[in-house]
Amino acid sequence: MSALPILYSFRRCPYAMRARMGIAISGMQCELREVKLADKPPAMLTASPKGTVPVLVLSDGRVIDESIDILRHALDRNDPEGWLSRDDTDLIATNDGQFKHDLDRYKYPDRHDSDPHHHREAGMAFLRRLDARLAENPNLCDARRGLADAAIMPFVRQFAGVDRDWFDAQPIPHVHAWLERHLASPLFAQIMLRVPQWQPDQEPVPFGKNR
């Protein structure tokens, strides 16, 4: 058992991104284990047989394997920016449900045998909803960033990346500004560090407080 919590993560996964943001902003420190989804380590599968990232194995052996739960766990321990006060469970549920459904079928139409243009337009309905909120405040729940922003932004980033020229041409200026501001933040740079695929014999890679 590690002296530090262990976070199994995949750099580009939006679920793992939001977990890393929660850990980083809370000041928590853990051991980061970068995995390849096509080559999942047995230790991760033992901790969480469902085989998806992120997985947080706490120092006492408890396992948290839902990204939103990892985000909230970290903030429950320490919430220096007051992110928990800027939460919106319904908006996050829509992001994780219908928007993620459309995002997958827009980005991977061959995998899902889907019409990408239909799902792109369906996803835009959610982004227009975000744009209306962001017209009132720079972030989703207030002037300051919070839990809802961290939970949703990685998925909007992924949607934007499918066809960036098309996305940039859409009339959602507040979403554009919000996304770019978060992508340019020191926090995002911190959580997008590049590390090699974890191997059992490697030196631990610290992540969080002391990076």
N, C-alpha and C. Protein backbone atom coordinates (compact mmCIF):
# COMPACT_ATOMS: atom_id res chain seq x y z
N MET A 1 0.84 -1.20 0.00
CA MET A 1 0.00 0.00 0.00
C MET A 1 0.88 1.26 0.00
N SER A 2 0.55 2.22 -0.88
CA SER A 2 1.36 3.43 -1.00
C SER A 2 1.14 4.35 0.19
N ALA A 3 2.18 5.11 0.53
CA ALA A 3 2.02 6.13 1.56
C ALA A 3 1.13 7.25 1.08
N LEU A 4 1.07 7.47 -0.23
CA LEU A 4 0.21 8.47 -0.82
C LEU A 4 -0.97 7.80 -1.51
N PRO A 5 -2.09 8.51 -1.64
CA PRO A 5 -3.14 8.01 -2.53
C PRO A 5 -2.58 7.82 -3.94
N ILE A 6 -3.15 6.90 -4.67
CA ILE A 6 -2.73 6.60 -6.04
C ILE A 6 -3.86 6.99 -6.98
N LEU A 7 -3.51 7.76 -8.01
CA LEU A 7 -4.49 8.14 -9.02
C LEU A 7 -4.10 7.50 -10.35
N TYR A 8 -4.95 6.58 -10.81
CA TYR A 8 -4.80 6.04 -12.16
C TYR A 8 -5.54 6.98 -13.10
N SER A 9 -4.84 7.43 -14.13
CA SER A 9 -5.37 8.49 -14.97
C SER A 9 -4.94 8.27 -16.41
N PHE A 10 -5.62 8.96 -17.33
CA PHE A 10 -5.23 9.01 -18.73
C PHE A 10 -5.31 10.47 -19.14
N ARG A 11 -4.21 11.01 -19.60
CA ARG A 11 -4.06 12.45 -19.75
C ARG A 11 -5.19 13.10 -20.51
N ARG A 12 -5.64 12.52 -21.61
CA ARG A 12 -6.61 13.17 -22.49
C ARG A 12 -8.06 12.87 -22.13
N CYS A 13 -8.30 12.01 -21.18
CA CYS A 13 -9.68 11.65 -20.82
C CYS A 13 -10.34 12.80 -20.06
N PRO A 14 -11.50 13.29 -20.50
CA PRO A 14 -12.13 14.41 -19.80
C PRO A 14 -12.55 14.07 -18.37
N TYR A 15 -12.93 12.82 -18.12
CA TYR A 15 -13.26 12.43 -16.75
C TYR A 15 -12.03 12.54 -15.87
N ALA A 16 -10.89 12.05 -16.38
CA ALA A 16 -9.65 12.12 -15.60
C ALA A 16 -9.19 13.56 -15.42
N MET A 17 -9.42 14.39 -16.43
CA MET A 17 -9.03 15.81 -16.30
C MET A 17 -9.73 16.46 -15.13
N ARG A 18 -11.04 16.24 -15.01
CA ARG A 18 -11.74 16.94 -13.93
C ARG A 18 -11.34 16.40 -12.57
N ALA A 19 -11.02 15.11 -12.49
CA ALA A 19 -10.52 14.57 -11.23
C ALA A 19 -9.17 15.22 -10.88
N ARG A 20 -8.29 15.35 -11.87
CA ARG A 20 -6.98 15.96 -11.60
C ARG A 20 -7.14 17.43 -11.20
N MET A 21 -8.10 18.13 -11.79
CA MET A 21 -8.32 19.52 -11.40
C MET A 21 -8.74 19.62 -9.94
N GLY A 22 -9.63 18.73 -9.51
CA GLY A 22 -10.06 18.76 -8.13
C GLY A 22 -8.92 18.48 -7.17
N ILE A 23 -8.10 17.49 -7.51
CA ILE A 23 -6.95 17.15 -6.67
C ILE A 23 -5.96 18.31 -6.63
N ALA A 24 -5.68 18.90 -7.80
CA ALA A 24 -4.69 19.97 -7.85
C ALA A 24 -5.15 21.20 -7.07
N ILE A 25 -6.39 21.61 -7.25
CA ILE A 25 -6.85 22.84 -6.59
C ILE A 25 -6.99 22.64 -5.10
N SER A 26 -7.24 21.41 -4.67
CA SER A 26 -7.42 21.15 -3.24
C SER A 26 -6.10 21.15 -2.47
N GLY A 27 -4.99 21.00 -3.19
CA GLY A 27 -3.70 20.88 -2.52
C GLY A 27 -3.38 19.47 -2.08
N MET A 28 -4.24 18.53 -2.41
CA MET A 28 -3.98 17.12 -2.10
C MET A 28 -2.78 16.64 -2.91
N GLN A 29 -2.03 15.72 -2.38
CA GLN A 29 -0.93 15.12 -3.14
C GLN A 29 -1.19 13.64 -3.31
N CYS A 30 -0.87 13.13 -4.49
CA CYS A 30 -1.04 11.70 -4.74
C CYS A 30 0.07 11.23 -5.67
N GLU A 31 0.11 9.94 -5.88
CA GLU A 31 1.00 9.34 -6.88
C GLU A 31 0.20 9.20 -8.17
N LEU A 32 0.70 9.78 -9.25
CA LEU A 32 0.03 9.72 -10.54
C LEU A 32 0.53 8.53 -11.34
N ARG A 33 -0.42 7.71 -11.78
CA ARG A 33 -0.08 6.57 -12.62
C ARG A 33 -0.82 6.73 -13.95
N GLU A 34 -0.08 7.11 -14.98
CA GLU A 34 -0.65 7.30 -16.32
C GLU A 34 -0.80 5.93 -16.98
N VAL A 35 -2.00 5.64 -17.46
CA VAL A 35 -2.26 4.33 -18.06
C VAL A 35 -2.65 4.50 -19.52
N LYS A 36 -2.43 3.45 -20.29
CA LYS A 36 -2.98 3.35 -21.64
C LYS A 36 -4.23 2.49 -21.55
N LEU A 37 -5.30 2.99 -22.16
CA LEU A 37 -6.57 2.29 -22.01
C LEU A 37 -6.57 0.94 -22.71
N ALA A 38 -5.67 0.76 -23.67
CA ALA A 38 -5.56 -0.53 -24.34
C ALA A 38 -4.62 -1.48 -23.60
N ASP A 39 -4.02 -1.01 -22.53
CA ASP A 39 -3.04 -1.80 -21.78
C ASP A 39 -3.19 -1.47 -20.30
N LYS A 40 -4.34 -1.77 -19.74
CA LYS A 40 -4.64 -1.38 -18.37
C LYS A 40 -3.86 -2.24 -17.38
N PRO A 41 -3.22 -1.62 -16.40
CA PRO A 41 -2.41 -2.41 -15.46
C PRO A 41 -3.28 -3.27 -14.54
N PRO A 42 -2.83 -4.47 -14.25
CA PRO A 42 -3.60 -5.34 -13.35
C PRO A 42 -3.91 -4.70 -12.00
N ALA A 43 -2.99 -3.87 -11.48
CA ALA A 43 -3.24 -3.25 -10.18
C ALA A 43 -4.45 -2.32 -10.24
N MET A 44 -4.64 -1.64 -11.36
CA MET A 44 -5.82 -0.79 -11.51
C MET A 44 -7.09 -1.62 -11.59
N LEU A 45 -7.03 -2.71 -12.36
CA LEU A 45 -8.21 -3.57 -12.52
C LEU A 45 -8.56 -4.28 -11.22
N THR A 46 -7.57 -4.56 -10.40
CA THR A 46 -7.85 -5.13 -9.08
C THR A 46 -8.58 -4.12 -8.21
N ALA A 47 -8.14 -2.87 -8.27
CA ALA A 47 -8.78 -1.83 -7.47
C ALA A 47 -10.18 -1.52 -7.98
N SER A 48 -10.35 -1.50 -9.30
CA SER A 48 -11.64 -1.15 -9.91
C SER A 48 -11.85 -2.02 -11.14
N PRO A 49 -12.54 -3.14 -11.01
CA PRO A 49 -12.69 -4.07 -12.13
C PRO A 49 -13.42 -3.49 -13.33
N LYS A 50 -14.13 -2.38 -13.18
CA LYS A 50 -14.82 -1.83 -14.36
C LYS A 50 -13.84 -1.27 -15.39
N GLY A 51 -12.61 -0.98 -14.97
CA GLY A 51 -11.56 -0.70 -15.93
C GLY A 51 -11.60 0.65 -16.60
N THR A 52 -12.23 1.64 -15.97
CA THR A 52 -12.24 2.99 -16.53
C THR A 52 -11.46 3.92 -15.62
N VAL A 53 -10.92 4.99 -16.23
CA VAL A 53 -10.23 6.01 -15.45
C VAL A 53 -11.16 7.20 -15.26
N PRO A 54 -10.93 7.95 -14.19
CA PRO A 54 -9.88 7.83 -13.18
C PRO A 54 -10.27 6.85 -12.07
N VAL A 55 -9.25 6.37 -11.39
CA VAL A 55 -9.43 5.56 -10.19
C VAL A 55 -8.51 6.14 -9.12
N LEU A 56 -9.06 6.46 -7.97
CA LEU A 56 -8.28 6.96 -6.85
C LEU A 56 -8.29 5.91 -5.75
N VAL A 57 -7.10 5.42 -5.42
CA VAL A 57 -6.95 4.45 -4.33
C VAL A 57 -6.37 5.22 -3.14
N LEU A 58 -7.16 5.35 -2.09
CA LEU A 58 -6.74 6.13 -0.93
C LEU A 58 -5.72 5.36 -0.10
N SER A 59 -5.04 6.06 0.76
CA SER A 59 -3.97 5.45 1.56
C SER A 59 -4.49 4.34 2.46
N ASP A 60 -5.77 4.41 2.83
CA ASP A 60 -6.34 3.35 3.68
C ASP A 60 -6.94 2.21 2.87
N GLY A 61 -6.76 2.23 1.54
CA GLY A 61 -7.23 1.16 0.68
C GLY A 61 -8.60 1.39 0.06
N ARG A 62 -9.33 2.39 0.52
CA ARG A 62 -10.62 2.69 -0.11
C ARG A 62 -10.42 3.14 -1.54
N VAL A 63 -11.40 2.84 -2.40
CA VAL A 63 -11.30 3.15 -3.83
C VAL A 63 -12.46 4.06 -4.23
N ILE A 64 -12.13 5.12 -4.95
CA ILE A 64 -13.15 6.00 -5.54
C ILE A 64 -12.92 5.95 -7.05
N ASP A 65 -13.91 5.46 -7.78
CA ASP A 65 -13.69 5.26 -9.21
C ASP A 65 -14.73 5.95 -10.08
N GLU A 66 -15.33 7.02 -9.56
CA GLU A 66 -16.15 7.92 -10.37
C GLU A 66 -15.51 9.30 -10.32
N SER A 67 -15.32 9.92 -11.47
CA SER A 67 -14.57 11.17 -11.53
C SER A 67 -15.19 12.27 -10.70
N ILE A 68 -16.50 12.40 -10.74
CA ILE A 68 -17.15 13.48 -9.99
C ILE A 68 -17.01 13.25 -8.49
N ASP A 69 -16.96 11.98 -8.08
CA ASP A 69 -16.77 11.66 -6.67
C ASP A 69 -15.34 11.97 -6.23
N ILE A 70 -14.36 11.73 -7.12
CA ILE A 70 -12.98 12.09 -6.80
C ILE A 70 -12.86 13.61 -6.66
N LEU A 71 -13.47 14.33 -7.58
CA LEU A 71 -13.45 15.80 -7.53
C LEU A 71 -14.03 16.30 -6.21
N ARG A 72 -15.17 15.77 -5.83
CA ARG A 72 -15.82 16.23 -4.60
C ARG A 72 -15.06 15.75 -3.36
N HIS A 73 -14.49 14.55 -3.41
CA HIS A 73 -13.70 14.06 -2.28
C HIS A 73 -12.53 15.00 -2.00
N ALA A 74 -11.81 15.39 -3.06
CA ALA A 74 -10.67 16.28 -2.87
C ALA A 74 -11.11 17.62 -2.28
N LEU A 75 -12.22 18.15 -2.78
CA LEU A 75 -12.70 19.45 -2.29
C LEU A 75 -13.27 19.35 -0.88
N ASP A 76 -13.82 18.21 -0.53
CA ASP A 76 -14.29 18.03 0.85
C ASP A 76 -13.13 18.10 1.83
N ARG A 77 -11.95 17.69 1.40
CA ARG A 77 -10.77 17.74 2.26
C ARG A 77 -10.25 19.17 2.39
N ASN A 78 -10.28 19.90 1.27
CA ASN A 78 -9.77 21.27 1.27
C ASN A 78 -10.30 21.98 0.02
N ASP A 79 -10.92 23.11 0.22
CA ASP A 79 -11.58 23.83 -0.87
C ASP A 79 -11.18 25.31 -0.82
N PRO A 80 -9.93 25.62 -1.18
CA PRO A 80 -9.42 26.97 -0.96
C PRO A 80 -10.12 28.05 -1.78
N GLU A 81 -10.69 27.68 -2.93
CA GLU A 81 -11.38 28.68 -3.75
C GLU A 81 -12.90 28.62 -3.60
N GLY A 82 -13.40 27.77 -2.72
CA GLY A 82 -14.83 27.67 -2.52
C GLY A 82 -15.58 27.05 -3.69
N TRP A 83 -14.96 26.08 -4.34
CA TRP A 83 -15.59 25.47 -5.51
C TRP A 83 -16.91 24.78 -5.17
N LEU A 84 -17.01 24.19 -3.99
CA LEU A 84 -18.23 23.44 -3.65
C LEU A 84 -19.45 24.34 -3.60
N SER A 85 -19.26 25.62 -3.39
CA SER A 85 -20.39 26.55 -3.37
C SER A 85 -20.83 26.92 -4.78
N ARG A 86 -20.06 26.53 -5.77
CA ARG A 86 -20.40 26.82 -7.17
C ARG A 86 -20.54 25.50 -7.92
N ASP A 87 -21.52 24.74 -7.49
CA ASP A 87 -21.85 23.42 -8.03
C ASP A 87 -23.22 23.51 -8.69
N ASP A 88 -23.50 22.65 -9.63
CA ASP A 88 -24.83 22.56 -10.23
C ASP A 88 -25.02 21.11 -10.66
N THR A 89 -25.62 20.33 -9.78
CA THR A 89 -25.71 18.89 -10.04
C THR A 89 -26.56 18.59 -11.28
N ASP A 90 -27.61 19.38 -11.52
CA ASP A 90 -28.46 19.13 -12.69
C ASP A 90 -27.70 19.42 -13.99
N LEU A 91 -26.95 20.51 -14.01
CA LEU A 91 -26.19 20.84 -15.22
C LEU A 91 -25.11 19.80 -15.48
N ILE A 92 -24.45 19.35 -14.44
CA ILE A 92 -23.42 18.32 -14.60
C ILE A 92 -24.05 17.01 -15.07
N ALA A 93 -25.23 16.68 -14.55
CA ALA A 93 -25.92 15.46 -14.99
C ALA A 93 -26.28 15.53 -16.47
N THR A 94 -26.69 16.70 -16.94
CA THR A 94 -26.98 16.85 -18.37
C THR A 94 -25.70 16.71 -19.20
N ASN A 95 -24.62 17.30 -18.71
CA ASN A 95 -23.32 17.15 -19.39
C ASN A 95 -22.92 15.69 -19.48
N ASP A 96 -23.00 14.99 -18.36
CA ASP A 96 -22.54 13.61 -18.30
C ASP A 96 -23.50 12.65 -19.00
N GLY A 97 -24.74 13.08 -19.20
CA GLY A 97 -25.75 12.24 -19.83
C GLY A 97 -25.91 12.57 -21.30
N GLN A 98 -26.84 13.46 -21.62
CA GLN A 98 -27.19 13.72 -23.02
C GLN A 98 -26.03 14.33 -23.80
N PHE A 99 -25.32 15.30 -23.21
CA PHE A 99 -24.23 15.93 -23.96
C PHE A 99 -23.12 14.93 -24.27
N LYS A 100 -22.74 14.11 -23.29
CA LYS A 100 -21.70 13.11 -23.53
C LYS A 100 -22.17 12.09 -24.56
N HIS A 101 -23.43 11.73 -24.53
CA HIS A 101 -24.00 10.82 -25.53
C HIS A 101 -23.82 11.41 -26.94
N ASP A 102 -24.17 12.66 -27.10
CA ASP A 102 -24.05 13.30 -28.41
C ASP A 102 -22.59 13.52 -28.79
N LEU A 103 -21.76 13.89 -27.82
CA LEU A 103 -20.34 14.09 -28.08
C LEU A 103 -19.70 12.82 -28.64
N ASP A 104 -19.96 11.68 -28.01
CA ASP A 104 -19.37 10.42 -28.48
C ASP A 104 -19.81 10.10 -29.91
N ARG A 105 -21.07 10.35 -30.21
CA ARG A 105 -21.61 10.01 -31.54
C ARG A 105 -21.24 11.02 -32.60
N TYR A 106 -20.87 12.22 -32.18
CA TYR A 106 -20.31 13.21 -33.08
C TYR A 106 -18.84 12.91 -33.36
N LYS A 107 -18.09 12.60 -32.33
CA LYS A 107 -16.65 12.38 -32.49
C LYS A 107 -16.32 11.02 -33.10
N TYR A 108 -17.11 10.00 -32.77
CA TYR A 108 -16.82 8.64 -33.22
C TYR A 108 -18.01 8.05 -33.98
N PRO A 109 -18.40 8.63 -35.12
CA PRO A 109 -19.60 8.13 -35.81
C PRO A 109 -19.45 6.70 -36.30
N ASP A 110 -18.25 6.30 -36.71
CA ASP A 110 -18.07 4.93 -37.19
C ASP A 110 -18.26 3.92 -36.06
N ARG A 111 -17.74 4.28 -34.90
CA ARG A 111 -17.87 3.39 -33.74
C ARG A 111 -19.32 3.21 -33.34
N HIS A 112 -20.12 4.26 -33.47
CA HIS A 112 -21.51 4.23 -32.99
C HIS A 112 -22.54 4.10 -34.11
N ASP A 113 -22.05 4.03 -35.36
CA ASP A 113 -22.96 3.99 -36.52
C ASP A 113 -23.98 5.13 -36.42
N SER A 114 -23.46 6.34 -36.26
CA SER A 114 -24.31 7.50 -35.98
C SER A 114 -24.15 8.57 -37.06
N ASP A 115 -25.09 9.50 -37.07
CA ASP A 115 -25.03 10.66 -37.95
C ASP A 115 -24.34 11.78 -37.18
N PRO A 116 -23.08 12.09 -37.51
CA PRO A 116 -22.34 13.07 -36.70
C PRO A 116 -22.96 14.46 -36.74
N HIS A 117 -23.56 14.85 -37.86
CA HIS A 117 -24.14 16.19 -37.95
C HIS A 117 -25.36 16.33 -37.04
N HIS A 118 -26.14 15.26 -36.95
CA HIS A 118 -27.29 15.28 -36.03
C HIS A 118 -26.81 15.46 -34.60
N HIS A 119 -25.80 14.70 -34.21
CA HIS A 119 -25.34 14.76 -32.82
C HIS A 119 -24.53 16.02 -32.54
N ARG A 120 -23.90 16.57 -33.57
CA ARG A 120 -23.23 17.86 -33.39
C ARG A 120 -24.25 18.94 -33.08
N GLU A 121 -25.36 18.95 -33.80
CA GLU A 121 -26.39 19.96 -33.55
C GLU A 121 -27.05 19.72 -32.19
N ALA A 122 -27.26 18.46 -31.82
CA ALA A 122 -27.82 18.17 -30.50
C ALA A 122 -26.89 18.64 -29.40
N GLY A 123 -25.57 18.44 -29.59
CA GLY A 123 -24.62 18.93 -28.61
C GLY A 123 -24.60 20.45 -28.53
N MET A 124 -24.81 21.10 -29.66
CA MET A 124 -24.84 22.56 -29.67
C MET A 124 -26.00 23.11 -28.84
N ALA A 125 -27.08 22.37 -28.72
CA ALA A 125 -28.19 22.84 -27.89
C ALA A 125 -27.72 23.03 -26.45
N PHE A 126 -26.89 22.12 -25.97
CA PHE A 126 -26.35 22.25 -24.62
C PHE A 126 -25.38 23.42 -24.54
N LEU A 127 -24.55 23.60 -25.56
CA LEU A 127 -23.60 24.71 -25.54
C LEU A 127 -24.30 26.06 -25.61
N ARG A 128 -25.42 26.13 -26.32
CA ARG A 128 -26.19 27.37 -26.32
C ARG A 128 -26.77 27.66 -24.94
N ARG A 129 -27.13 26.61 -24.24
CA ARG A 129 -27.60 26.78 -22.85
C ARG A 129 -26.47 27.32 -21.98
N LEU A 130 -25.27 26.78 -22.15
CA LEU A 130 -24.13 27.29 -21.39
C LEU A 130 -23.85 28.73 -21.77
N ASP A 131 -23.95 29.05 -23.05
CA ASP A 131 -23.64 30.40 -23.50
C ASP A 131 -24.58 31.42 -22.86
N ALA A 132 -25.85 31.05 -22.72
CA ALA A 132 -26.81 31.96 -22.08
C ALA A 132 -26.44 32.20 -20.62
N ARG A 133 -25.98 31.16 -19.94
CA ARG A 133 -25.56 31.34 -18.54
C ARG A 133 -24.31 32.20 -18.46
N LEU A 134 -23.37 31.96 -19.37
CA LEU A 134 -22.11 32.68 -19.34
C LEU A 134 -22.26 34.13 -19.79
N ALA A 135 -23.36 34.46 -20.39
CA ALA A 135 -23.63 35.87 -20.70
C ALA A 135 -23.89 36.68 -19.44
N GLU A 136 -24.28 35.98 -18.37
CA GLU A 136 -24.59 36.64 -17.09
C GLU A 136 -23.38 36.71 -16.16
N ASN A 137 -22.49 35.69 -16.24
CA ASN A 137 -21.32 35.62 -15.39
C ASN A 137 -20.16 35.03 -16.18
N PRO A 138 -18.93 35.34 -15.84
CA PRO A 138 -17.80 34.77 -16.57
C PRO A 138 -17.69 33.25 -16.42
N ASN A 139 -18.25 32.70 -15.33
CA ASN A 139 -18.23 31.26 -15.11
C ASN A 139 -19.65 30.76 -14.88
N LEU A 140 -19.81 29.45 -14.77
CA LEU A 140 -21.14 28.87 -14.86
C LEU A 140 -22.02 29.17 -13.66
N CYS A 141 -21.44 29.37 -12.51
CA CYS A 141 -22.26 29.59 -11.31
C CYS A 141 -21.97 30.92 -10.61
N ASP A 142 -21.03 31.69 -11.13
CA ASP A 142 -20.64 32.93 -10.44
C ASP A 142 -19.57 33.59 -11.30
N ALA A 143 -19.06 34.70 -10.81
CA ALA A 143 -17.93 35.34 -11.49
C ALA A 143 -16.67 34.47 -11.39
N ARG A 144 -16.57 33.67 -10.33
CA ARG A 144 -15.37 32.87 -10.09
C ARG A 144 -15.58 31.44 -10.57
N ARG A 145 -14.48 30.78 -10.92
CA ARG A 145 -14.57 29.39 -11.34
C ARG A 145 -14.98 28.52 -10.16
N GLY A 146 -15.61 27.39 -10.47
CA GLY A 146 -16.05 26.51 -9.41
C GLY A 146 -16.16 25.08 -9.89
N LEU A 147 -16.82 24.26 -9.10
CA LEU A 147 -16.91 22.83 -9.39
C LEU A 147 -17.58 22.58 -10.72
N ALA A 148 -18.66 23.30 -11.02
CA ALA A 148 -19.37 23.06 -12.28
C ALA A 148 -18.47 23.32 -13.48
N ASP A 149 -17.66 24.36 -13.42
CA ASP A 149 -16.75 24.66 -14.53
C ASP A 149 -15.74 23.53 -14.72
N ALA A 150 -15.15 23.06 -13.62
CA ALA A 150 -14.16 21.99 -13.71
C ALA A 150 -14.78 20.70 -14.21
N ALA A 151 -16.02 20.44 -13.83
CA ALA A 151 -16.68 19.20 -14.22
C ALA A 151 -17.07 19.18 -15.69
N ILE A 152 -17.39 20.34 -16.26
CA ILE A 152 -17.96 20.40 -17.61
C ILE A 152 -16.93 20.81 -18.66
N MET A 153 -15.99 21.68 -18.32
CA MET A 153 -15.06 22.23 -19.31
C MET A 153 -14.32 21.16 -20.11
N PRO A 154 -13.82 20.07 -19.51
CA PRO A 154 -13.08 19.10 -20.32
C PRO A 154 -13.90 18.48 -21.44
N PHE A 155 -15.20 18.36 -21.25
CA PHE A 155 -16.06 17.78 -22.28
C PHE A 155 -16.33 18.79 -23.40
N VAL A 156 -16.46 20.06 -23.04
CA VAL A 156 -16.61 21.09 -24.06
C VAL A 156 -15.31 21.19 -24.87
N ARG A 157 -14.18 21.08 -24.21
CA ARG A 157 -12.89 21.06 -24.91
C ARG A 157 -12.86 19.94 -25.92
N GLN A 158 -13.32 18.76 -25.55
CA GLN A 158 -13.30 17.62 -26.47
C GLN A 158 -14.24 17.86 -27.65
N PHE A 159 -15.42 18.41 -27.38
CA PHE A 159 -16.37 18.73 -28.45
C PHE A 159 -15.73 19.74 -29.41
N ALA A 160 -15.10 20.77 -28.87
CA ALA A 160 -14.48 21.80 -29.71
C ALA A 160 -13.38 21.22 -30.58
N GLY A 161 -12.67 20.23 -30.09
CA GLY A 161 -11.54 19.68 -30.80
C GLY A 161 -11.88 18.80 -31.98
N VAL A 162 -13.13 18.38 -32.10
CA VAL A 162 -13.49 17.52 -33.22
C VAL A 162 -13.32 18.27 -34.54
N ASP A 163 -13.78 19.50 -34.60
CA ASP A 163 -13.62 20.36 -35.78
C ASP A 163 -13.50 21.79 -35.26
N ARG A 164 -12.27 22.19 -34.96
CA ARG A 164 -12.08 23.45 -34.27
C ARG A 164 -12.49 24.65 -35.13
N ASP A 165 -12.25 24.60 -36.43
CA ASP A 165 -12.65 25.72 -37.27
C ASP A 165 -14.16 25.91 -37.24
N TRP A 166 -14.89 24.81 -37.33
CA TRP A 166 -16.35 24.89 -37.27
C TRP A 166 -16.80 25.42 -35.92
N PHE A 167 -16.22 24.89 -34.85
CA PHE A 167 -16.59 25.30 -33.50
C PHE A 167 -16.35 26.79 -33.30
N ASP A 168 -15.21 27.27 -33.75
CA ASP A 168 -14.86 28.68 -33.55
C ASP A 168 -15.79 29.61 -34.32
N ALA A 169 -16.44 29.09 -35.36
CA ALA A 169 -17.35 29.92 -36.16
C ALA A 169 -18.76 29.97 -35.59
N GLN A 170 -19.04 29.20 -34.56
CA GLN A 170 -20.40 29.15 -34.01
C GLN A 170 -20.69 30.38 -33.14
N PRO A 171 -21.94 30.84 -33.14
CA PRO A 171 -22.30 32.06 -32.39
C PRO A 171 -22.52 31.79 -30.89
N ILE A 172 -21.48 31.33 -30.24
CA ILE A 172 -21.52 31.09 -28.78
C ILE A 172 -20.30 31.79 -28.18
N PRO A 173 -20.24 33.12 -28.27
CA PRO A 173 -19.02 33.83 -27.88
C PRO A 173 -18.64 33.68 -26.42
N HIS A 174 -19.63 33.53 -25.55
CA HIS A 174 -19.33 33.42 -24.12
C HIS A 174 -18.71 32.05 -23.81
N VAL A 175 -19.17 31.01 -24.50
CA VAL A 175 -18.55 29.69 -24.35
C VAL A 175 -17.12 29.73 -24.87
N HIS A 176 -16.90 30.36 -26.02
CA HIS A 176 -15.54 30.47 -26.56
C HIS A 176 -14.61 31.14 -25.54
N ALA A 177 -15.03 32.26 -24.99
CA ALA A 177 -14.17 33.00 -24.06
C ALA A 177 -13.93 32.20 -22.78
N TRP A 178 -14.97 31.57 -22.27
CA TRP A 178 -14.87 30.75 -21.05
C TRP A 178 -13.91 29.59 -21.27
N LEU A 179 -14.07 28.88 -22.39
CA LEU A 179 -13.21 27.74 -22.66
C LEU A 179 -11.75 28.18 -22.80
N GLU A 180 -11.51 29.23 -23.56
CA GLU A 180 -10.13 29.67 -23.76
C GLU A 180 -9.50 30.13 -22.46
N ARG A 181 -10.27 30.78 -21.61
CA ARG A 181 -9.73 31.24 -20.33
C ARG A 181 -9.32 30.06 -19.46
N HIS A 182 -10.13 29.01 -19.43
CA HIS A 182 -9.78 27.84 -18.63
C HIS A 182 -8.60 27.08 -19.23
N LEU A 183 -8.55 26.98 -20.54
CA LEU A 183 -7.44 26.28 -21.18
C LEU A 183 -6.12 27.01 -20.98
N ALA A 184 -6.18 28.32 -20.85
CA ALA A 184 -4.96 29.12 -20.67
C ALA A 184 -4.54 29.26 -19.22
N SER A 185 -5.28 28.67 -18.30
CA SER A 185 -5.00 28.86 -16.87
C SER A 185 -3.80 28.04 -16.42
N PRO A 186 -3.07 28.51 -15.41
CA PRO A 186 -2.00 27.70 -14.83
C PRO A 186 -2.50 26.36 -14.30
N LEU A 187 -3.73 26.32 -13.80
CA LEU A 187 -4.28 25.06 -13.30
C LEU A 187 -4.36 24.02 -14.41
N PHE A 188 -4.84 24.43 -15.59
CA PHE A 188 -4.95 23.46 -16.68
C PHE A 188 -3.57 22.99 -17.12
N ALA A 189 -2.61 23.91 -17.17
CA ALA A 189 -1.25 23.51 -17.52
C ALA A 189 -0.71 22.49 -16.51
N GLN A 190 -1.02 22.70 -15.24
CA GLN A 190 -0.54 21.78 -14.20
C GLN A 190 -1.12 20.38 -14.38
N ILE A 191 -2.40 20.30 -14.71
CA ILE A 191 -3.03 18.97 -14.75
C ILE A 191 -2.77 18.24 -16.08
N MET A 192 -2.21 18.96 -17.07
CA MET A 192 -1.94 18.33 -18.36
C MET A 192 -0.46 17.97 -18.54
N LEU A 193 0.25 17.78 -17.45
CA LEU A 193 1.63 17.35 -17.54
C LEU A 193 1.74 16.01 -18.27
N ARG A 194 2.82 15.84 -18.99
CA ARG A 194 3.06 14.60 -19.74
C ARG A 194 3.98 13.70 -18.93
N VAL A 195 3.53 12.49 -18.69
CA VAL A 195 4.36 11.51 -18.00
C VAL A 195 4.27 10.20 -18.78
N PRO A 196 5.30 9.36 -18.69
CA PRO A 196 5.24 8.08 -19.41
C PRO A 196 4.23 7.12 -18.81
N GLN A 197 3.85 6.14 -19.60
CA GLN A 197 2.95 5.11 -19.11
C GLN A 197 3.55 4.46 -17.86
N TRP A 198 2.70 4.29 -16.84
CA TRP A 198 3.18 3.74 -15.58
C TRP A 198 3.61 2.29 -15.73
N GLN A 199 4.73 1.99 -15.08
CA GLN A 199 5.23 0.62 -14.98
C GLN A 199 5.47 0.31 -13.51
N PRO A 200 5.22 -0.92 -13.07
CA PRO A 200 5.34 -1.23 -11.63
C PRO A 200 6.70 -0.96 -11.02
N ASP A 201 7.76 -0.95 -11.84
CA ASP A 201 9.10 -0.78 -11.27
C ASP A 201 9.60 0.66 -11.36
N GLN A 202 8.77 1.60 -11.77
CA GLN A 202 9.25 2.96 -11.94
C GLN A 202 9.18 3.75 -10.63
N GLU A 203 9.93 4.85 -10.59
CA GLU A 203 9.84 5.75 -9.45
C GLU A 203 8.46 6.42 -9.43
N PRO A 204 7.86 6.61 -8.25
CA PRO A 204 6.54 7.26 -8.19
C PRO A 204 6.59 8.68 -8.76
N VAL A 205 5.52 9.05 -9.45
CA VAL A 205 5.38 10.39 -10.01
C VAL A 205 4.42 11.18 -9.10
N PRO A 206 4.94 12.16 -8.35
CA PRO A 206 4.04 12.90 -7.46
C PRO A 206 3.18 13.87 -8.26
N PHE A 207 1.97 14.05 -7.80
CA PHE A 207 1.04 14.98 -8.45
C PHE A 207 0.28 15.72 -7.36
N GLY A 208 0.12 17.02 -7.56
CA GLY A 208 -0.69 17.79 -6.60
C GLY A 208 0.14 18.82 -5.88
N LYS A 209 0.06 18.79 -4.59
CA LYS A 209 0.53 19.88 -3.73
C LYS A 209 1.96 20.30 -4.01
N ASN A 210 2.87 19.38 -4.11
CA ASN A 210 4.28 19.75 -4.14
C ASN A 210 4.88 19.81 -5.54
N ARG A 211 4.04 19.75 -6.60
CA ARG A 211 4.59 19.85 -7.95
C ARG A 211 4.94 21.29 -8.25
